[in-house]
Amino acid sequence: MVGVIFSVIAPVFICTGVGLVWAKRGVAYETQFVTRLVTNIGFPCLIFSTLVRTEINWSIFGVMGLIALGTTAAFGVMAMPVLKIARLELRFFLPAIMFANTGNMGLPLCLLAFGEEGLALAISYFTISALLMFVFGPAIASGKVSITEALKTPLLWSALVALFVMYADLPVPTWIMKTLEILGGFAIPLMLITLGVSLAELRLISLPRSFGLSALRLILGFGVGWGTATLLGLEGVMRGVIIIESTMPVAAINYLYAQMYDARPADVAGVIVVSTVISFATLPALLWFVL
């Protein structure tokens, strides 16, 4: 099991390490250009192609979607007073606590723990949490809640169009799917490399804060996930998926929003990496608990 967990997390550290070494060698890197390329082309193509390939039970999708909505809201409500007490500005750090890595890490782990049934439930949770991230992530990071700006987000429209195609059972030509898969394939590697470039700017004085916020994300996530499953009387696979998805580390896409809106990207990058490292150490215990 440790080997499988390592195979999920190792690519994250390797790709991030490439960016870190690149920056430390003083080679130029167009961060703003890469960020916009990934946000406006890479991720929309990745989201559409991934969702369209997925089989979803719509009744289960609705239940898991409501749970994803409730847990994400709970993360925000519970994190805000903690961040205010710590005198940390909400627009910089609240998205990191609210939006977890329910996709790249959550989906493989749910498949590992519960098979195809767990994967189907996890995809339902991930889809709604991703939509919330695409709408409210930029709004919080920019400090401006704007429906108009949210509607301009390619990430949001790619997810909505994908859901419509799935619901209407519309065929997508093979050449379109292959094109979207190629364009979506560069999103995650480039995002992680850019994350590593930003880590080169991380100051040692920021590390204690990164550890504290990472611990808050993981502890709060587990508490909300376990509490939600217990409150609703859920058992078995659904209970396990909710706890796993809620306890994931900080989603790397939070870094993209921090970079786009100048919301202290180096500090956000530190929280992403530290929370992922802590997750690697605690995942065996988490999987043991849900199983």
C-alpha atoms as a PDB file:
ATOM      1  CA  MET A   1       0.000   0.000   0.000  1.00  0.00           C
ATOM      2  CA  VAL A   2       2.865   2.374   0.782  1.00  0.00           C
ATOM      3  CA  GLY A   3       4.211   1.778  -2.720  1.00  0.00           C
ATOM      4  CA  VAL A   4       0.893   2.738  -4.307  1.00  0.00           C
ATOM      5  CA  ILE A   5       0.624   5.863  -2.155  1.00  0.00           C
ATOM      6  CA  PHE A   6       4.180   6.808  -3.086  1.00  0.00           C
ATOM      7  CA  SER A   7       3.374   6.366  -6.795  1.00  0.00           C
ATOM      8  CA  VAL A   8       0.566   8.912  -6.406  1.00  0.00           C
ATOM      9  CA  ILE A   9       2.610  11.518  -4.545  1.00  0.00           C
ATOM     10  CA  ALA A  10       6.089  11.091  -6.075  1.00  0.00           C
ATOM     11  CA  PRO A  11       5.238  12.773  -9.421  1.00  0.00           C
ATOM     12  CA  VAL A  12       4.056  15.848  -7.496  1.00  0.00           C
ATOM     13  CA  PHE A  13       7.438  16.235  -5.814  1.00  0.00           C
ATOM     14  CA  ILE A  14       9.462  15.409  -8.927  1.00  0.00           C
ATOM     15  CA  CYS A  15       7.663  17.968 -11.121  1.00  0.00           C
ATOM     16  CA  THR A  16       7.834  20.577  -8.357  1.00  0.00           C
ATOM     17  CA  GLY A  17      11.529  19.802  -7.936  1.00  0.00           C
ATOM     18  CA  VAL A  18      12.151  20.505 -11.636  1.00  0.00           C
ATOM     19  CA  GLY A  19      10.759  24.018 -11.197  1.00  0.00           C
ATOM     20  CA  LEU A  20      12.709  24.585  -7.989  1.00  0.00           C
ATOM     21  CA  VAL A  21      16.024  23.567  -9.563  1.00  0.00           C
ATOM     22  CA  TRP A  22      15.218  25.642 -12.673  1.00  0.00           C
ATOM     23  CA  ALA A  23      14.685  28.780 -10.583  1.00  0.00           C
ATOM     24  CA  LYS A  24      17.699  28.158  -8.346  1.00  0.00           C
ATOM     25  CA  ARG A  25      19.923  28.009 -11.439  1.00  0.00           C
ATOM     26  CA  GLY A  26      18.747  31.491 -12.381  1.00  0.00           C
ATOM     27  CA  VAL A  27      17.164  30.494 -15.705  1.00  0.00           C
ATOM     28  CA  ALA A  28      14.333  32.784 -16.844  1.00  0.00           C
ATOM     29  CA  TYR A  29      10.783  31.448 -16.423  1.00  0.00           C
ATOM     30  CA  GLU A  30       7.697  33.293 -17.695  1.00  0.00           C
ATOM     31  CA  THR A  31       5.428  32.602 -14.717  1.00  0.00           C
ATOM     32  CA  GLN A  32       2.570  34.874 -15.776  1.00  0.00           C
ATOM     33  CA  PHE A  33       2.463  33.443 -19.294  1.00  0.00           C
ATOM     34  CA  VAL A  34       2.503  29.830 -18.101  1.00  0.00           C
ATOM     35  CA  THR A  35      -0.149  30.568 -15.471  1.00  0.00           C
ATOM     36  CA  ARG A  36      -2.540  32.030 -18.036  1.00  0.00           C
ATOM     37  CA  LEU A  37      -1.823  29.236 -20.504  1.00  0.00           C
ATOM     38  CA  VAL A  38      -2.659  26.578 -17.916  1.00  0.00           C
ATOM     39  CA  THR A  39      -5.703  28.417 -16.558  1.00  0.00           C
ATOM     40  CA  ASN A  40      -7.302  29.353 -19.878  1.00  0.00           C
ATOM     41  CA  ILE A  41      -6.399  26.333 -22.036  1.00  0.00           C
ATOM     42  CA  GLY A  42      -4.792  23.439 -20.153  1.00  0.00           C
ATOM     43  CA  PHE A  43      -7.176  22.989 -17.244  1.00  0.00           C
ATOM     44  CA  PRO A  44     -10.421  23.579 -19.204  1.00  0.00           C
ATOM     45  CA  CYS A  45      -9.389  20.889 -21.705  1.00  0.00           C
ATOM     46  CA  LEU A  46      -8.333  18.520 -18.918  1.00  0.00           C
ATOM     47  CA  ILE A  47     -11.586  18.991 -16.984  1.00  0.00           C
ATOM     48  CA  PHE A  48     -13.818  18.468 -20.028  1.00  0.00           C
ATOM     49  CA  SER A  49     -11.996  15.385 -21.320  1.00  0.00           C
ATOM     50  CA  THR A  50     -11.838  13.797 -17.859  1.00  0.00           C
ATOM     51  CA  LEU A  51     -15.487  14.348 -16.988  1.00  0.00           C
ATOM     52  CA  VAL A  52     -16.826  13.233 -20.371  1.00  0.00           C
ATOM     53  CA  ARG A  53     -14.966   9.922 -20.051  1.00  0.00           C
ATOM     54  CA  THR A  54     -16.551   9.297 -16.638  1.00  0.00           C
ATOM     55  CA  GLU A  55     -19.735   7.304 -15.962  1.00  0.00           C
ATOM     56  CA  ILE A  56     -21.848   9.083 -13.304  1.00  0.00           C
ATOM     57  CA  ASN A  57     -24.954   7.882 -11.455  1.00  0.00           C
ATOM     58  CA  TRP A  58     -26.950  11.115 -11.299  1.00  0.00           C
ATOM     59  CA  SER A  59     -28.848  10.322  -8.076  1.00  0.00           C
ATOM     60  CA  ILE A  60     -25.605   9.536  -6.260  1.00  0.00           C
ATOM     61  CA  PHE A  61     -24.025  12.559  -7.920  1.00  0.00           C
ATOM     62  CA  GLY A  62     -26.694  14.780  -6.339  1.00  0.00           C
ATOM     63  CA  VAL A  63     -26.165  13.414  -2.829  1.00  0.00           C
ATOM     64  CA  MET A  64     -22.374  13.602  -3.017  1.00  0.00           C
ATOM     65  CA  GLY A  65     -22.616  17.058  -4.579  1.00  0.00           C
ATOM     66  CA  LEU A  66     -24.640  18.370  -1.643  1.00  0.00           C
ATOM     67  CA  ILE A  67     -22.135  16.834   0.766  1.00  0.00           C
ATOM     68  CA  ALA A  68     -19.240  18.449  -1.148  1.00  0.00           C
ATOM     69  CA  LEU A  69     -21.047  21.796  -0.963  1.00  0.00           C
ATOM     70  CA  GLY A  70     -21.656  21.433   2.774  1.00  0.00           C
ATOM     71  CA  THR A  71     -18.144  20.319   3.700  1.00  0.00           C
ATOM     72  CA  THR A  72     -16.497  23.067   1.610  1.00  0.00           C
ATOM     73  CA  ALA A  73     -18.702  25.684   3.282  1.00  0.00           C
ATOM     74  CA  ALA A  74     -17.834  24.207   6.694  1.00  0.00           C
ATOM     75  CA  PHE A  75     -14.104  24.492   5.931  1.00  0.00           C
ATOM     76  CA  GLY A  76     -14.514  28.186   5.187  1.00  0.00           C
ATOM     77  CA  VAL A  77     -16.752  29.001   8.153  1.00  0.00           C
ATOM     78  CA  MET A  78     -14.495  27.198  10.643  1.00  0.00           C
ATOM     79  CA  ALA A  79     -11.219  28.475   9.179  1.00  0.00           C
ATOM     80  CA  MET A  80     -12.123  32.180   9.101  1.00  0.00           C
ATOM     81  CA  PRO A  81     -11.993  32.823  12.872  1.00  0.00           C
ATOM     82  CA  VAL A  82      -8.743  30.870  13.173  1.00  0.00           C
ATOM     83  CA  LEU A  83      -7.106  32.932  10.416  1.00  0.00           C
ATOM     84  CA  LYS A  84      -8.383  36.169  11.943  1.00  0.00           C
ATOM     85  CA  ILE A  85      -6.997  35.236  15.364  1.00  0.00           C
ATOM     86  CA  ALA A  86      -3.653  34.452  13.707  1.00  0.00           C
ATOM     87  CA  ARG A  87      -3.856  37.826  11.891  1.00  0.00           C
ATOM     88  CA  LEU A  88      -3.572  36.206   8.473  1.00  0.00           C
ATOM     89  CA  GLU A  89      -5.405  37.921   5.632  1.00  0.00           C
ATOM     90  CA  LEU A  90      -8.324  35.814   4.408  1.00  0.00           C
ATOM     91  CA  ARG A  91      -7.829  36.410   0.687  1.00  0.00           C
ATOM     92  CA  PHE A  92      -4.307  35.000   0.897  1.00  0.00           C
ATOM     93  CA  PHE A  93      -4.890  31.848   2.926  1.00  0.00           C
ATOM     94  CA  LEU A  94      -8.616  31.005   3.120  1.00  0.00           C
ATOM     95  CA  PRO A  95      -8.710  29.285  -0.321  1.00  0.00           C
ATOM     96  CA  ALA A  96      -5.885  26.984   0.784  1.00  0.00           C
ATOM     97  CA  ILE A  97      -7.986  25.765   3.718  1.00  0.00           C
ATOM     98  CA  MET A  98     -11.253  25.513   1.777  1.00  0.00           C
ATOM     99  CA  PHE A  99     -10.131  23.801  -1.433  1.00  0.00           C
ATOM    100  CA  ALA A 100      -8.367  20.449  -1.142  1.00  0.00           C
ATOM    101  CA  ASN A 101      -6.669  18.218  -3.699  1.00  0.00           C
ATOM    102  CA  THR A 102      -9.758  16.055  -4.260  1.00  0.00           C
ATOM    103  CA  GLY A 103      -8.738  15.256  -7.839  1.00  0.00           C
ATOM    104  CA  ASN A 104      -5.089  14.324  -8.384  1.00  0.00           C
ATOM    105  CA  MET A 105      -4.757  12.682  -4.965  1.00  0.00           C
ATOM    106  CA  GLY A 106      -8.316  12.052  -3.827  1.00  0.00           C
ATOM    107  CA  LEU A 107      -9.507  10.098  -6.873  1.00  0.00           C
ATOM    108  CA  PRO A 108      -6.606   7.563  -7.003  1.00  0.00           C
ATOM    109  CA  LEU A 109      -6.790   7.006  -3.247  1.00  0.00           C
ATOM    110  CA  CYS A 110     -10.536   6.332  -3.329  1.00  0.00           C
ATOM    111  CA  LEU A 111      -9.993   3.906  -6.202  1.00  0.00           C
ATOM    112  CA  LEU A 112      -7.215   2.211  -4.225  1.00  0.00           C
ATOM    113  CA  ALA A 113      -9.331   1.915  -1.095  1.00  0.00           C
ATOM    114  CA  PHE A 114     -12.771   1.053  -2.521  1.00  0.00           C
ATOM    115  CA  GLY A 115     -12.421   0.120  -6.186  1.00  0.00           C
ATOM    116  CA  GLU A 116     -14.715   1.364  -8.956  1.00  0.00           C
ATOM    117  CA  GLU A 117     -17.573   2.151  -6.551  1.00  0.00           C
ATOM    118  CA  GLY A 118     -15.298   4.413  -4.529  1.00  0.00           C
ATOM    119  CA  LEU A 119     -14.010   6.102  -7.676  1.00  0.00           C
ATOM    120  CA  ALA A 120     -17.543   6.867  -8.883  1.00  0.00           C
ATOM    121  CA  LEU A 121     -18.481   8.440  -5.546  1.00  0.00           C
ATOM    122  CA  ALA A 122     -15.206  10.383  -5.418  1.00  0.00           C
ATOM    123  CA  ILE A 123     -15.746  11.780  -8.926  1.00  0.00           C
ATOM    124  CA  SER A 124     -19.159  13.070  -7.850  1.00  0.00           C
ATOM    125  CA  TYR A 125     -17.603  14.811  -4.833  1.00  0.00           C
ATOM    126  CA  PHE A 126     -14.693  16.144  -6.882  1.00  0.00           C
ATOM    127  CA  THR A 127     -16.881  17.613  -9.638  1.00  0.00           C
ATOM    128  CA  ILE A 128     -18.884  19.826  -7.285  1.00  0.00           C
ATOM    129  CA  SER A 129     -15.894  20.813  -5.165  1.00  0.00           C
ATOM    130  CA  ALA A 130     -14.030  21.733  -8.372  1.00  0.00           C
ATOM    131  CA  LEU A 131     -16.917  23.906  -9.544  1.00  0.00           C
ATOM    132  CA  LEU A 132     -16.909  25.689  -6.191  1.00  0.00           C
ATOM    133  CA  MET A 133     -13.162  26.173  -6.504  1.00  0.00           C
ATOM    134  CA  PHE A 134     -13.452  27.668  -9.985  1.00  0.00           C
ATOM    135  CA  VAL A 135     -16.130  30.145  -8.888  1.00  0.00           C
ATOM    136  CA  PHE A 136     -15.053  31.145  -5.376  1.00  0.00           C
ATOM    137  CA  GLY A 137     -11.288  30.558  -5.589  1.00  0.00           C
ATOM    138  CA  PRO A 138     -10.628  33.554  -7.855  1.00  0.00           C
ATOM    139  CA  ALA A 139     -13.224  35.647  -5.997  1.00  0.00           C
ATOM    140  CA  ILE A 140     -11.522  35.142  -2.619  1.00  0.00           C
ATOM    141  CA  ALA A 141      -7.967  35.520  -3.971  1.00  0.00           C
ATOM    142  CA  SER A 142      -8.817  38.730  -5.811  1.00  0.00           C
ATOM    143  CA  GLY A 143     -10.868  40.128  -2.930  1.00  0.00           C
ATOM    144  CA  LYS A 144     -13.778  40.793  -5.283  1.00  0.00           C
ATOM    145  CA  VAL A 145     -16.904  38.669  -5.501  1.00  0.00           C
ATOM    146  CA  SER A 146     -18.087  39.157  -9.069  1.00  0.00           C
ATOM    147  CA  ILE A 147     -20.593  36.894 -10.811  1.00  0.00           C
ATOM    148  CA  THR A 148     -19.611  38.489 -14.106  1.00  0.00           C
ATOM    149  CA  GLU A 149     -15.951  37.596 -13.645  1.00  0.00           C
ATOM    150  CA  ALA A 150     -16.883  34.068 -12.544  1.00  0.00           C
ATOM    151  CA  LEU A 151     -18.907  33.583 -15.713  1.00  0.00           C
ATOM    152  CA  LYS A 152     -15.845  34.569 -17.760  1.00  0.00           C
ATOM    153  CA  THR A 153     -13.803  31.712 -16.277  1.00  0.00           C
ATOM    154  CA  PRO A 154     -13.020  29.023 -18.895  1.00  0.00           C
ATOM    155  CA  LEU A 155     -12.621  26.469 -16.083  1.00  0.00           C
ATOM    156  CA  LEU A 156     -16.241  26.932 -15.033  1.00  0.00           C
ATOM    157  CA  TRP A 157     -17.654  26.686 -18.549  1.00  0.00           C
ATOM    158  CA  SER A 158     -15.620  23.605 -19.413  1.00  0.00           C
ATOM    159  CA  ALA A 159     -17.098  21.808 -16.395  1.00  0.00           C
ATOM    160  CA  LEU A 160     -20.660  22.973 -17.112  1.00  0.00           C
ATOM    161  CA  VAL A 161     -20.470  22.002 -20.797  1.00  0.00           C
ATOM    162  CA  ALA A 162     -19.014  18.614 -19.848  1.00  0.00           C
ATOM    163  CA  LEU A 163     -21.873  17.963 -17.417  1.00  0.00           C
ATOM    164  CA  PHE A 164     -24.414  18.918 -20.097  1.00  0.00           C
ATOM    165  CA  VAL A 165     -22.792  16.600 -22.639  1.00  0.00           C
ATOM    166  CA  MET A 166     -22.826  13.783 -20.085  1.00  0.00           C
ATOM    167  CA  TYR A 167     -26.434  14.385 -19.033  1.00  0.00           C
ATOM    168  CA  ALA A 168     -27.690  14.613 -22.626  1.00  0.00           C
ATOM    169  CA  ASP A 169     -25.508  11.649 -23.617  1.00  0.00           C
ATOM    170  CA  LEU A 170     -24.134  13.571 -26.599  1.00  0.00           C
ATOM    171  CA  PRO A 171     -21.357  11.916 -28.627  1.00  0.00           C
ATOM    172  CA  VAL A 172     -18.039  13.752 -28.825  1.00  0.00           C
ATOM    173  CA  PRO A 173     -16.004  13.158 -32.006  1.00  0.00           C
ATOM    174  CA  THR A 174     -12.802  11.218 -31.449  1.00  0.00           C
ATOM    175  CA  TRP A 175     -10.617  13.943 -32.975  1.00  0.00           C
ATOM    176  CA  ILE A 176     -12.011  16.505 -30.513  1.00  0.00           C
ATOM    177  CA  MET A 177     -11.402  14.234 -27.528  1.00  0.00           C
ATOM    178  CA  LYS A 178      -7.836  13.468 -28.608  1.00  0.00           C
ATOM    179  CA  THR A 179      -7.110  17.171 -29.123  1.00  0.00           C
ATOM    180  CA  LEU A 180      -8.506  18.049 -25.700  1.00  0.00           C
ATOM    181  CA  GLU A 181      -6.519  15.243 -24.077  1.00  0.00           C
ATOM    182  CA  ILE A 182      -3.277  16.515 -25.633  1.00  0.00           C
ATOM    183  CA  LEU A 183      -3.949  20.120 -24.584  1.00  0.00           C
ATOM    184  CA  GLY A 184      -5.070  19.036 -21.132  1.00  0.00           C
ATOM    185  CA  GLY A 185      -2.000  16.863 -20.704  1.00  0.00           C
ATOM    186  CA  PHE A 186       0.338  19.820 -20.138  1.00  0.00           C
ATOM    187  CA  ALA A 187      -1.791  21.414 -17.400  1.00  0.00           C
ATOM    188  CA  ILE A 188      -0.707  19.481 -14.311  1.00  0.00           C
ATOM    189  CA  PRO A 189       3.038  19.194 -15.131  1.00  0.00           C
ATOM    190  CA  LEU A 190       3.338  22.904 -15.988  1.00  0.00           C
ATOM    191  CA  MET A 191       1.343  23.888 -12.899  1.00  0.00           C
ATOM    192  CA  LEU A 192       3.615  21.829 -10.642  1.00  0.00           C
ATOM    193  CA  ILE A 193       6.791  23.139 -12.305  1.00  0.00           C
ATOM    194  CA  THR A 194       5.526  26.692 -11.811  1.00  0.00           C
ATOM    195  CA  LEU A 195       4.804  25.811  -8.192  1.00  0.00           C
ATOM    196  CA  GLY A 196       8.436  24.761  -7.796  1.00  0.00           C
ATOM    197  CA  VAL A 197       9.650  28.031  -9.322  1.00  0.00           C
ATOM    198  CA  SER A 198       7.619  29.925  -6.730  1.00  0.00           C
ATOM    199  CA  LEU A 199       9.038  27.777  -3.918  1.00  0.00           C
ATOM    200  CA  ALA A 200      12.476  29.133  -4.769  1.00  0.00           C
ATOM    201  CA  GLU A 201      11.203  32.445  -3.369  1.00  0.00           C
ATOM    202  CA  LEU A 202       9.918  30.882  -0.128  1.00  0.00           C
ATOM    203  CA  ARG A 203      11.596  32.369   2.927  1.00  0.00           C
ATOM    204  CA  LEU A 204      12.596  30.221   5.912  1.00  0.00           C
ATOM    205  CA  ILE A 205      10.650  32.552   8.175  1.00  0.00           C
ATOM    206  CA  SER A 206       7.471  31.402   6.390  1.00  0.00           C
ATOM    207  CA  LEU A 207       7.950  27.690   7.105  1.00  0.00           C
ATOM    208  CA  PRO A 208       6.387  27.667  10.616  1.00  0.00           C
ATOM    209  CA  ARG A 209       3.298  29.367   9.181  1.00  0.00           C
ATOM    210  CA  SER A 210       3.204  26.819   6.356  1.00  0.00           C
ATOM    211  CA  PHE A 211       3.303  23.963   8.864  1.00  0.00           C
ATOM    212  CA  GLY A 212       0.585  25.556  10.974  1.00  0.00           C
ATOM    213  CA  LEU A 213      -1.756  26.153   8.036  1.00  0.00           C
ATOM    214  CA  SER A 214      -1.060  22.668   6.669  1.00  0.00           C
ATOM    215  CA  ALA A 215      -1.956  21.123  10.011  1.00  0.00           C
ATOM    216  CA  LEU A 216      -5.137  23.226  10.106  1.00  0.00           C
ATOM    217  CA  ARG A 217      -6.148  22.047   6.596  1.00  0.00           C
ATOM    218  CA  LEU A 218      -5.622  18.354   7.381  1.00  0.00           C
ATOM    219  CA  ILE A 219      -7.042  18.298  10.915  1.00  0.00           C
ATOM    220  CA  LEU A 220     -10.044  20.427   9.967  1.00  0.00           C
ATOM    221  CA  GLY A 221     -10.582  18.303   6.868  1.00  0.00           C
ATOM    222  CA  PHE A 222     -10.600  15.055   8.808  1.00  0.00           C
ATOM    223  CA  GLY A 223     -12.857  16.493  11.508  1.00  0.00           C
ATOM    224  CA  VAL A 224     -15.411  17.840   9.034  1.00  0.00           C
ATOM    225  CA  GLY A 225     -15.337  14.663   6.927  1.00  0.00           C
ATOM    226  CA  TRP A 226     -15.735  12.335   9.883  1.00  0.00           C
ATOM    227  CA  GLY A 227     -18.344  14.612  11.506  1.00  0.00           C
ATOM    228  CA  THR A 228     -20.399  14.827   8.304  1.00  0.00           C
ATOM    229  CA  ALA A 229     -20.386  11.061   7.793  1.00  0.00           C
ATOM    230  CA  THR A 230     -21.329  10.486  11.439  1.00  0.00           C
ATOM    231  CA  LEU A 231     -24.054  13.150  11.472  1.00  0.00           C
ATOM    232  CA  LEU A 232     -25.672  11.702   8.331  1.00  0.00           C
ATOM    233  CA  GLY A 233     -25.297   8.127   9.580  1.00  0.00           C
ATOM    234  CA  LEU A 234     -23.265   7.084   6.547  1.00  0.00           C
ATOM    235  CA  GLU A 235     -21.389   3.799   6.470  1.00  0.00           C
ATOM    236  CA  GLY A 236     -19.164   1.787   4.186  1.00  0.00           C
ATOM    237  CA  VAL A 237     -17.797   3.184   0.948  1.00  0.00           C
ATOM    238  CA  MET A 238     -19.634   6.525   1.049  1.00  0.00           C
ATOM    239  CA  ARG A 239     -18.359   7.238   4.564  1.00  0.00           C
ATOM    240  CA  GLY A 240     -14.793   6.374   3.565  1.00  0.00           C
ATOM    241  CA  VAL A 241     -14.844   8.487   0.398  1.00  0.00           C
ATOM    242  CA  ILE A 242     -16.143  11.562   2.230  1.00  0.00           C
ATOM    243  CA  ILE A 243     -13.444  11.270   4.906  1.00  0.00           C
ATOM    244  CA  ILE A 244     -10.656  10.723   2.349  1.00  0.00           C
ATOM    245  CA  GLU A 245     -11.721  13.577   0.077  1.00  0.00           C
ATOM    246  CA  SER A 246     -12.168  15.968   3.007  1.00  0.00           C
ATOM    247  CA  THR A 247      -8.720  15.161   4.410  1.00  0.00           C
ATOM    248  CA  MET A 248      -6.723  15.818   1.257  1.00  0.00           C
ATOM    249  CA  PRO A 249      -3.910  18.437   1.278  1.00  0.00           C
ATOM    250  CA  VAL A 250      -4.151  21.881  -0.292  1.00  0.00           C
ATOM    251  CA  ALA A 251      -5.059  21.852  -3.991  1.00  0.00           C
ATOM    252  CA  ALA A 252      -2.245  23.078  -6.221  1.00  0.00           C
ATOM    253  CA  ILE A 253      -4.649  25.199  -8.277  1.00  0.00           C
ATOM    254  CA  ASN A 254      -4.782  27.589  -5.300  1.00  0.00           C
ATOM    255  CA  TYR A 255      -1.281  28.592  -6.316  1.00  0.00           C
ATOM    256  CA  LEU A 256      -2.497  29.593  -9.771  1.00  0.00           C
ATOM    257  CA  TYR A 257      -5.082  31.928  -8.274  1.00  0.00           C
ATOM    258  CA  ALA A 258      -2.515  33.355  -5.862  1.00  0.00           C
ATOM    259  CA  GLN A 259      -0.166  33.969  -8.794  1.00  0.00           C
ATOM    260  CA  MET A 260      -2.878  35.549 -10.961  1.00  0.00           C
ATOM    261  CA  TYR A 261      -4.048  37.974  -8.273  1.00  0.00           C
ATOM    262  CA  ASP A 262      -0.699  38.592  -6.523  1.00  0.00           C
ATOM    263  CA  ALA A 263      -1.994  36.949  -3.326  1.00  0.00           C
ATOM    264  CA  ARG A 264       1.417  35.978  -1.868  1.00  0.00           C
ATOM    265  CA  PRO A 265       2.035  33.010  -4.201  1.00  0.00           C
ATOM    266  CA  ALA A 266       5.294  31.960  -2.519  1.00  0.00           C
ATOM    267  CA  ASP A 267       3.541  31.534   0.836  1.00  0.00           C
ATOM    268  CA  VAL A 268       0.649  29.650  -0.770  1.00  0.00           C
ATOM    269  CA  ALA A 269       3.157  27.401  -2.557  1.00  0.00           C
ATOM    270  CA  GLY A 270       4.768  26.605   0.791  1.00  0.00           C
ATOM    271  CA  VAL A 271       1.435  25.527   2.280  1.00  0.00           C
ATOM    272  CA  ILE A 272       0.705  23.322  -0.738  1.00  0.00           C
ATOM    273  CA  VAL A 273       4.034  21.498  -0.553  1.00  0.00           C
ATOM    274  CA  VAL A 274       4.142  21.151   3.241  1.00  0.00           C
ATOM    275  CA  SER A 275       0.552  19.861   3.437  1.00  0.00           C
ATOM    276  CA  THR A 276       1.352  17.325   0.712  1.00  0.00           C
ATOM    277  CA  VAL A 277       4.458  16.150   2.577  1.00  0.00           C
ATOM    278  CA  ILE A 278       2.459  15.750   5.802  1.00  0.00           C
ATOM    279  CA  SER A 279      -0.228  13.860   3.866  1.00  0.00           C
ATOM    280  CA  PHE A 280       2.340  11.411   2.593  1.00  0.00           C
ATOM    281  CA  ALA A 281       3.283  10.611   6.198  1.00  0.00           C
ATOM    282  CA  THR A 282      -0.311  10.323   7.433  1.00  0.00           C
ATOM    283  CA  LEU A 283      -2.058   8.626   4.491  1.00  0.00           C
ATOM    284  CA  PRO A 284      -1.356   5.045   5.667  1.00  0.00           C
ATOM    285  CA  ALA A 285      -3.108   5.857   8.958  1.00  0.00           C
ATOM    286  CA  LEU A 286      -5.984   7.563   7.114  1.00  0.00           C
ATOM    287  CA  LEU A 287      -6.518   4.577   4.811  1.00  0.00           C
ATOM    288  CA  TRP A 288      -6.340   2.200   7.783  1.00  0.00           C
ATOM    289  CA  PHE A 289      -9.003   4.270   9.552  1.00  0.00           C
ATOM    290  CA  VAL A 290     -11.493   4.336   6.668  1.00  0.00           C
ATOM    291  CA  LEU A 291     -10.963   0.670   5.841  1.00  0.00           C
END
